[in-house]
Amino acid sequence: EFTHGPIGEIFASNGEEAFRDMEKAVAVELAGRVGLVISTGGRMMLDPDNAAVLGKRSRVFCLTAAADEIVRRVVAQDGPPRPLLSGQRPAEQISTLLEERAEAYAQFEQVATDEKSVDEVVEELTRRLHVSG
């Protein structure tokens, strides 16, 4: 269920800045709750305010994958296209985004997802939570 609407529509009608403001409001709202698993977009946790509010009482993991794996997943997904990958060369766009975001992503605990099923990633996250939890 969409609270504000599909991301592509928000970008098109209100712009990226409005979308980022919505992300901040959602981060604040969710930060006060417990027992959640929150799956964010690739940029949400790069905002220092979002990272601070969500990381204050929670554990944050950065799920990683190689650029070619991300391309494969994005191409295979159902649903609307991702606004930041709307150009003709998604592989190049993804590589550029990963390079630009590498330092910021490094602040979070990394979990490699290449060649892993969803169940395997969940098992890895669960193991890490129980080992240090």
C-alpha atoms as a PDB file:
ATOM      1  CA  GLU A   1       0.000   0.000   0.000  1.00  0.00           C
ATOM      2  CA  PHE A   2       1.305   3.440  -0.921  1.00  0.00           C
ATOM      3  CA  THR A   3       1.078   6.210   1.635  1.00  0.00           C
ATOM      4  CA  HIS A   4       2.037   8.952  -0.784  1.00  0.00           C
ATOM      5  CA  GLY A   5       1.849   7.200  -4.172  1.00  0.00           C
ATOM      6  CA  PRO A   6       4.263   5.411  -6.480  1.00  0.00           C
ATOM      7  CA  ILE A   7       7.805   6.806  -6.388  1.00  0.00           C
ATOM      8  CA  GLY A   8       7.890   7.573 -10.110  1.00  0.00           C
ATOM      9  CA  GLU A   9       4.712   9.616  -9.845  1.00  0.00           C
ATOM     10  CA  ILE A  10       6.038  11.559  -6.862  1.00  0.00           C
ATOM     11  CA  PHE A  11       9.266  12.340  -8.724  1.00  0.00           C
ATOM     12  CA  ALA A  12       7.310  13.408 -11.821  1.00  0.00           C
ATOM     13  CA  SER A  13       4.695  15.543 -10.093  1.00  0.00           C
ATOM     14  CA  ASN A  14       6.504  16.890  -7.029  1.00  0.00           C
ATOM     15  CA  GLY A  15      10.220  16.334  -7.707  1.00  0.00           C
ATOM     16  CA  GLU A  16      12.949  14.447  -5.916  1.00  0.00           C
ATOM     17  CA  GLU A  17      13.231  16.976  -3.091  1.00  0.00           C
ATOM     18  CA  ALA A  18       9.596  16.426  -2.102  1.00  0.00           C
ATOM     19  CA  PHE A  19      10.179  12.674  -2.183  1.00  0.00           C
ATOM     20  CA  ARG A  20      13.222  13.033   0.106  1.00  0.00           C
ATOM     21  CA  ASP A  21      11.128  15.125   2.528  1.00  0.00           C
ATOM     22  CA  MET A  22       8.560  12.308   2.586  1.00  0.00           C
ATOM     23  CA  GLU A  23      11.359   9.821   3.338  1.00  0.00           C
ATOM     24  CA  LYS A  24      12.455  11.918   6.308  1.00  0.00           C
ATOM     25  CA  ALA A  25       8.921  12.021   7.693  1.00  0.00           C
ATOM     26  CA  VAL A  26       8.617   8.239   7.333  1.00  0.00           C
ATOM     27  CA  ALA A  27      12.006   7.727   9.025  1.00  0.00           C
ATOM     28  CA  VAL A  28      10.893   9.787  12.025  1.00  0.00           C
ATOM     29  CA  GLU A  29       7.568   7.941  12.191  1.00  0.00           C
ATOM     30  CA  LEU A  30       9.181   4.487  12.040  1.00  0.00           C
ATOM     31  CA  ALA A  31      12.014   5.309  14.439  1.00  0.00           C
ATOM     32  CA  GLY A  32       9.602   5.331  17.346  1.00  0.00           C
ATOM     33  CA  ARG A  33       8.422   1.785  16.691  1.00  0.00           C
ATOM     34  CA  VAL A  34      10.023  -1.511  17.706  1.00  0.00           C
ATOM     35  CA  GLY A  35      10.156  -4.960  16.157  1.00  0.00           C
ATOM     36  CA  LEU A  36      10.283  -3.768  12.554  1.00  0.00           C
ATOM     37  CA  VAL A  37      12.385  -4.711   9.572  1.00  0.00           C
ATOM     38  CA  ILE A  38      12.580  -1.651   7.360  1.00  0.00           C
ATOM     39  CA  SER A  39      13.713  -2.007   3.777  1.00  0.00           C
ATOM     40  CA  THR A  40      14.735   1.372   2.426  1.00  0.00           C
ATOM     41  CA  GLY A  41      15.743   2.598  -0.985  1.00  0.00           C
ATOM     42  CA  GLY A  42      19.390   2.957  -1.885  1.00  0.00           C
ATOM     43  CA  ARG A  43      19.621   6.608  -0.927  1.00  0.00           C
ATOM     44  CA  MET A  44      17.424   6.944   2.147  1.00  0.00           C
ATOM     45  CA  MET A  45      20.088   6.013   4.677  1.00  0.00           C
ATOM     46  CA  LEU A  46      22.642   8.302   3.015  1.00  0.00           C
ATOM     47  CA  ASP A  47      20.783  11.246   4.481  1.00  0.00           C
ATOM     48  CA  PRO A  48      22.514  11.873   7.827  1.00  0.00           C
ATOM     49  CA  ASP A  49      19.223  12.775   9.519  1.00  0.00           C
ATOM     50  CA  ASN A  50      17.578   9.523   8.402  1.00  0.00           C
ATOM     51  CA  ALA A  51      20.616   7.458   9.398  1.00  0.00           C
ATOM     52  CA  ALA A  52      20.718   9.132  12.819  1.00  0.00           C
ATOM     53  CA  VAL A  53      17.033   8.738  13.605  1.00  0.00           C
ATOM     54  CA  LEU A  54      16.742   5.133  12.362  1.00  0.00           C
ATOM     55  CA  GLY A  55      20.141   4.031  13.658  1.00  0.00           C
ATOM     56  CA  LYS A  56      19.670   5.489  17.135  1.00  0.00           C
ATOM     57  CA  ARG A  57      17.945   2.434  18.599  1.00  0.00           C
ATOM     58  CA  SER A  58      18.193   0.033  15.676  1.00  0.00           C
ATOM     59  CA  ARG A  59      20.735  -2.049  13.837  1.00  0.00           C
ATOM     60  CA  VAL A  60      21.310  -1.011  10.235  1.00  0.00           C
ATOM     61  CA  PHE A  61      22.589  -3.378   7.556  1.00  0.00           C
ATOM     62  CA  CYS A  62      23.605  -2.450   4.028  1.00  0.00           C
ATOM     63  CA  LEU A  63      22.732  -5.218   1.603  1.00  0.00           C
ATOM     64  CA  THR A  64      25.356  -5.197  -1.138  1.00  0.00           C
ATOM     65  CA  ALA A  65      25.639  -6.685  -4.603  1.00  0.00           C
ATOM     66  CA  ALA A  66      27.874  -6.207  -7.612  1.00  0.00           C
ATOM     67  CA  ALA A  67      26.682  -3.735 -10.227  1.00  0.00           C
ATOM     68  CA  ASP A  68      25.926  -6.458 -12.771  1.00  0.00           C
ATOM     69  CA  GLU A  69      23.832  -8.339 -10.214  1.00  0.00           C
ATOM     70  CA  ILE A  70      21.880  -5.178  -9.400  1.00  0.00           C
ATOM     71  CA  VAL A  71      21.243  -4.619 -13.106  1.00  0.00           C
ATOM     72  CA  ARG A  72      19.959  -8.184 -13.450  1.00  0.00           C
ATOM     73  CA  ARG A  73      17.620  -7.731 -10.483  1.00  0.00           C
ATOM     74  CA  VAL A  74      16.297  -4.357 -11.624  1.00  0.00           C
ATOM     75  CA  VAL A  75      15.656  -5.597 -15.149  1.00  0.00           C
ATOM     76  CA  ALA A  76      13.870  -8.690 -13.801  1.00  0.00           C
ATOM     77  CA  GLN A  77      11.645  -6.799 -11.345  1.00  0.00           C
ATOM     78  CA  ASP A  78       8.002  -6.178 -11.908  1.00  0.00           C
ATOM     79  CA  GLY A  79       6.555  -2.766 -11.331  1.00  0.00           C
ATOM     80  CA  PRO A  80       7.357   0.776 -12.339  1.00  0.00           C
ATOM     81  CA  PRO A  81      10.895   1.796 -13.333  1.00  0.00           C
ATOM     82  CA  ARG A  82      13.171   3.410 -10.793  1.00  0.00           C
ATOM     83  CA  PRO A  83      13.415   7.178 -11.355  1.00  0.00           C
ATOM     84  CA  LEU A  84      17.202   7.364 -10.920  1.00  0.00           C
ATOM     85  CA  LEU A  85      17.640   4.572 -13.483  1.00  0.00           C
ATOM     86  CA  SER A  86      15.431   5.997 -16.189  1.00  0.00           C
ATOM     87  CA  GLY A  87      18.206   6.585 -18.742  1.00  0.00           C
ATOM     88  CA  GLN A  88      19.331   4.394 -21.589  1.00  0.00           C
ATOM     89  CA  ARG A  89      22.279   2.850 -19.749  1.00  0.00           C
ATOM     90  CA  PRO A  90      21.178   1.460 -16.372  1.00  0.00           C
ATOM     91  CA  ALA A  91      24.414  -0.530 -15.910  1.00  0.00           C
ATOM     92  CA  GLU A  92      26.474   2.651 -16.149  1.00  0.00           C
ATOM     93  CA  GLN A  93      24.037   4.529 -13.930  1.00  0.00           C
ATOM     94  CA  ILE A  94      24.201   1.802 -11.278  1.00  0.00           C
ATOM     95  CA  SER A  95      28.012   1.701 -11.366  1.00  0.00           C
ATOM     96  CA  THR A  96      28.133   5.485 -10.995  1.00  0.00           C
ATOM     97  CA  LEU A  97      25.656   5.462  -8.094  1.00  0.00           C
ATOM     98  CA  LEU A  98      27.618   2.722  -6.318  1.00  0.00           C
ATOM     99  CA  GLU A  99      30.856   4.677  -6.713  1.00  0.00           C
ATOM    100  CA  GLU A 100      29.260   7.899  -5.478  1.00  0.00           C
ATOM    101  CA  ARG A 101      27.694   6.170  -2.488  1.00  0.00           C
ATOM    102  CA  ALA A 102      30.497   3.749  -1.526  1.00  0.00           C
ATOM    103  CA  GLU A 103      31.894   5.821   1.333  1.00  0.00           C
ATOM    104  CA  ALA A 104      28.484   6.529   2.827  1.00  0.00           C
ATOM    105  CA  TYR A 105      27.351   2.902   2.486  1.00  0.00           C
ATOM    106  CA  ALA A 106      30.541   1.798   4.278  1.00  0.00           C
ATOM    107  CA  GLN A 107      29.271   3.287   7.547  1.00  0.00           C
ATOM    108  CA  PHE A 108      26.786   0.420   7.834  1.00  0.00           C
ATOM    109  CA  GLU A 109      27.379  -3.256   8.458  1.00  0.00           C
ATOM    110  CA  GLN A 110      27.699  -4.909   5.038  1.00  0.00           C
ATOM    111  CA  VAL A 111      25.871  -8.071   3.976  1.00  0.00           C
ATOM    112  CA  ALA A 112      26.790  -9.432   0.549  1.00  0.00           C
ATOM    113  CA  THR A 113      23.779 -10.736  -1.361  1.00  0.00           C
ATOM    114  CA  ASP A 114      25.393 -11.834  -4.626  1.00  0.00           C
ATOM    115  CA  GLU A 115      24.339 -15.346  -5.650  1.00  0.00           C
ATOM    116  CA  LYS A 116      22.187 -15.709  -2.526  1.00  0.00           C
ATOM    117  CA  SER A 117      18.497 -16.403  -2.297  1.00  0.00           C
ATOM    118  CA  VAL A 118      16.225 -14.232  -0.192  1.00  0.00           C
ATOM    119  CA  ASP A 119      16.102 -17.039   2.391  1.00  0.00           C
ATOM    120  CA  GLU A 120      19.908 -17.170   2.555  1.00  0.00           C
ATOM    121  CA  VAL A 121      20.108 -13.404   3.127  1.00  0.00           C
ATOM    122  CA  VAL A 122      17.458 -13.629   5.852  1.00  0.00           C
ATOM    123  CA  GLU A 123      19.408 -16.459   7.503  1.00  0.00           C
ATOM    124  CA  GLU A 124      22.590 -14.350   7.427  1.00  0.00           C
ATOM    125  CA  LEU A 125      20.840 -11.335   8.949  1.00  0.00           C
ATOM    126  CA  THR A 126      19.196 -13.496  11.617  1.00  0.00           C
ATOM    127  CA  ARG A 127      22.538 -15.089  12.484  1.00  0.00           C
ATOM    128  CA  ARG A 128      24.208 -11.701  12.835  1.00  0.00           C
ATOM    129  CA  LEU A 129      21.405 -10.397  15.025  1.00  0.00           C
ATOM    130  CA  HIS A 130      21.569 -13.407  17.327  1.00  0.00           C
ATOM    131  CA  VAL A 131      25.394 -13.462  17.552  1.00  0.00           C
ATOM    132  CA  SER A 132      25.634  -9.866  18.713  1.00  0.00           C
ATOM    133  CA  GLY A 133      22.065  -9.258  19.810  1.00  0.00           C
END
